[in-house]
Amino acid sequence: MRLRSLNEAECYARCHGEGDGDNVRVVKLEPRRPRFDLEVSGEDLRRAFEVRLDKREPVSEPISEAADGHEPAAAA
């Protein structure tokens, strides 16, 4: 049971420490190495996908909502 409420400075010190600087240690890290050596770039994949899309046959008839038994929604 707390006998008195804490002020803002006491709360900050309790959560973040007194600020003496001994709690933080700066560490120098090596740069990360690449995980995989890939033969294909993302741009190559995008271009190949576009080519595959362009080769697809166009849809002969658009599917209408009336064809599946549903009435089209009224325009607002």
C-alpha atoms as a PDB file:
ATOM      1  CA  MET A   1       0.000   0.000   0.000  1.00  0.00           C
ATOM      2  CA  ARG A   2       1.403   3.368  -1.063  1.00  0.00           C
ATOM      3  CA  LEU A   3       1.507   6.018   1.656  1.00  0.00           C
ATOM      4  CA  ARG A   4       1.730   8.998  -0.727  1.00  0.00           C
ATOM      5  CA  SER A   5       1.348   9.607  -4.448  1.00  0.00           C
ATOM      6  CA  LEU A   6       4.446  10.149  -6.577  1.00  0.00           C
ATOM      7  CA  ASN A   7       5.116  13.354  -8.483  1.00  0.00           C
ATOM      8  CA  GLU A   8       6.087  13.392 -12.160  1.00  0.00           C
ATOM      9  CA  ALA A   9       9.850  13.512 -11.514  1.00  0.00           C
ATOM     10  CA  GLU A  10       9.683  10.526  -9.166  1.00  0.00           C
ATOM     11  CA  CYS A  11       7.618   8.545 -11.668  1.00  0.00           C
ATOM     12  CA  TYR A  12      10.077   9.311 -14.478  1.00  0.00           C
ATOM     13  CA  ALA A  13      13.048   8.311 -12.307  1.00  0.00           C
ATOM     14  CA  ARG A  14      11.290   5.101 -11.309  1.00  0.00           C
ATOM     15  CA  CYS A  15      10.528   4.139 -14.940  1.00  0.00           C
ATOM     16  CA  HIS A  16      13.669   5.397 -16.711  1.00  0.00           C
ATOM     17  CA  GLY A  17      16.320   5.423 -14.006  1.00  0.00           C
ATOM     18  CA  GLU A  18      18.140   8.283 -12.370  1.00  0.00           C
ATOM     19  CA  GLY A  19      19.954   9.321 -15.557  1.00  0.00           C
ATOM     20  CA  ASP A  20      23.468   8.682 -14.289  1.00  0.00           C
ATOM     21  CA  GLY A  21      24.529   7.276 -17.662  1.00  0.00           C
ATOM     22  CA  ASP A  22      25.846   3.978 -16.287  1.00  0.00           C
ATOM     23  CA  ASN A  23      22.833   2.082 -17.614  1.00  0.00           C
ATOM     24  CA  VAL A  24      23.628   2.661 -21.302  1.00  0.00           C
ATOM     25  CA  ARG A  25      26.499   1.061 -23.168  1.00  0.00           C
ATOM     26  CA  VAL A  26      27.149   1.923 -26.830  1.00  0.00           C
ATOM     27  CA  VAL A  27      28.050  -1.129 -28.894  1.00  0.00           C
ATOM     28  CA  LYS A  28      29.423  -1.022 -32.430  1.00  0.00           C
ATOM     29  CA  LEU A  29      27.785  -3.645 -34.673  1.00  0.00           C
ATOM     30  CA  GLU A  30      29.067  -5.044 -37.936  1.00  0.00           C
ATOM     31  CA  PRO A  31      26.929  -4.386 -41.018  1.00  0.00           C
ATOM     32  CA  ARG A  32      24.567  -7.214 -41.854  1.00  0.00           C
ATOM     33  CA  ARG A  33      25.631  -9.636 -44.530  1.00  0.00           C
ATOM     34  CA  PRO A  34      23.187 -10.357 -47.355  1.00  0.00           C
ATOM     35  CA  ARG A  35      21.109 -13.442 -46.585  1.00  0.00           C
ATOM     36  CA  PHE A  36      20.919 -14.862 -50.090  1.00  0.00           C
ATOM     37  CA  ASP A  37      22.675 -14.262 -53.371  1.00  0.00           C
ATOM     38  CA  LEU A  38      19.692 -14.160 -55.731  1.00  0.00           C
ATOM     39  CA  GLU A  39      19.969 -14.479 -59.489  1.00  0.00           C
ATOM     40  CA  VAL A  40      16.718 -12.597 -60.154  1.00  0.00           C
ATOM     41  CA  SER A  41      15.868  -9.124 -58.930  1.00  0.00           C
ATOM     42  CA  GLY A  42      12.427  -7.920 -57.913  1.00  0.00           C
ATOM     43  CA  GLU A  43      12.280  -5.776 -61.046  1.00  0.00           C
ATOM     44  CA  ASP A  44      12.970  -8.859 -63.207  1.00  0.00           C
ATOM     45  CA  LEU A  45      10.103 -10.695 -61.505  1.00  0.00           C
ATOM     46  CA  ARG A  46       7.756  -7.738 -62.046  1.00  0.00           C
ATOM     47  CA  ARG A  47       8.591  -7.583 -65.772  1.00  0.00           C
ATOM     48  CA  ALA A  48       8.127 -11.341 -66.203  1.00  0.00           C
ATOM     49  CA  PHE A  49       4.750 -11.120 -64.476  1.00  0.00           C
ATOM     50  CA  GLU A  50       3.659  -8.286 -66.786  1.00  0.00           C
ATOM     51  CA  VAL A  51       4.649 -10.370 -69.825  1.00  0.00           C
ATOM     52  CA  ARG A  52       2.598 -13.311 -68.533  1.00  0.00           C
ATOM     53  CA  LEU A  53      -0.395 -11.023 -67.941  1.00  0.00           C
ATOM     54  CA  ASP A  54      -0.123  -9.597 -71.460  1.00  0.00           C
ATOM     55  CA  LYS A  55      -0.112 -13.116 -72.963  1.00  0.00           C
ATOM     56  CA  ARG A  56      -3.411 -14.072 -71.328  1.00  0.00           C
ATOM     57  CA  GLU A  57      -6.462 -14.323 -73.531  1.00  0.00           C
ATOM     58  CA  PRO A  58      -8.966 -11.539 -72.987  1.00  0.00           C
ATOM     59  CA  VAL A  59     -12.262 -12.435 -71.340  1.00  0.00           C
ATOM     60  CA  SER A  60     -14.889 -12.952 -74.072  1.00  0.00           C
ATOM     61  CA  GLU A  61     -17.889 -11.540 -72.189  1.00  0.00           C
ATOM     62  CA  PRO A  62     -18.002  -9.563 -68.991  1.00  0.00           C
ATOM     63  CA  ILE A  63     -20.011 -11.346 -66.324  1.00  0.00           C
ATOM     64  CA  SER A  64     -23.129  -9.347 -65.558  1.00  0.00           C
ATOM     65  CA  GLU A  65     -24.898  -9.353 -62.219  1.00  0.00           C
ATOM     66  CA  ALA A  66     -28.232 -10.114 -63.924  1.00  0.00           C
ATOM     67  CA  ALA A  67     -26.825 -13.354 -65.378  1.00  0.00           C
ATOM     68  CA  ASP A  68     -26.374 -14.895 -61.939  1.00  0.00           C
ATOM     69  CA  GLY A  69     -29.914 -14.102 -60.787  1.00  0.00           C
ATOM     70  CA  HIS A  70     -29.154 -10.933 -58.849  1.00  0.00           C
ATOM     71  CA  GLU A  71     -30.636  -7.608 -59.789  1.00  0.00           C
ATOM     72  CA  PRO A  72     -28.142  -4.769 -60.242  1.00  0.00           C
ATOM     73  CA  ALA A  73     -28.066  -2.233 -57.425  1.00  0.00           C
ATOM     74  CA  ALA A  74     -29.930   1.009 -58.066  1.00  0.00           C
ATOM     75  CA  ALA A  75     -27.741   4.004 -58.760  1.00  0.00           C
ATOM     76  CA  ALA A  76     -27.808   6.511 -55.945  1.00  0.00           C
END
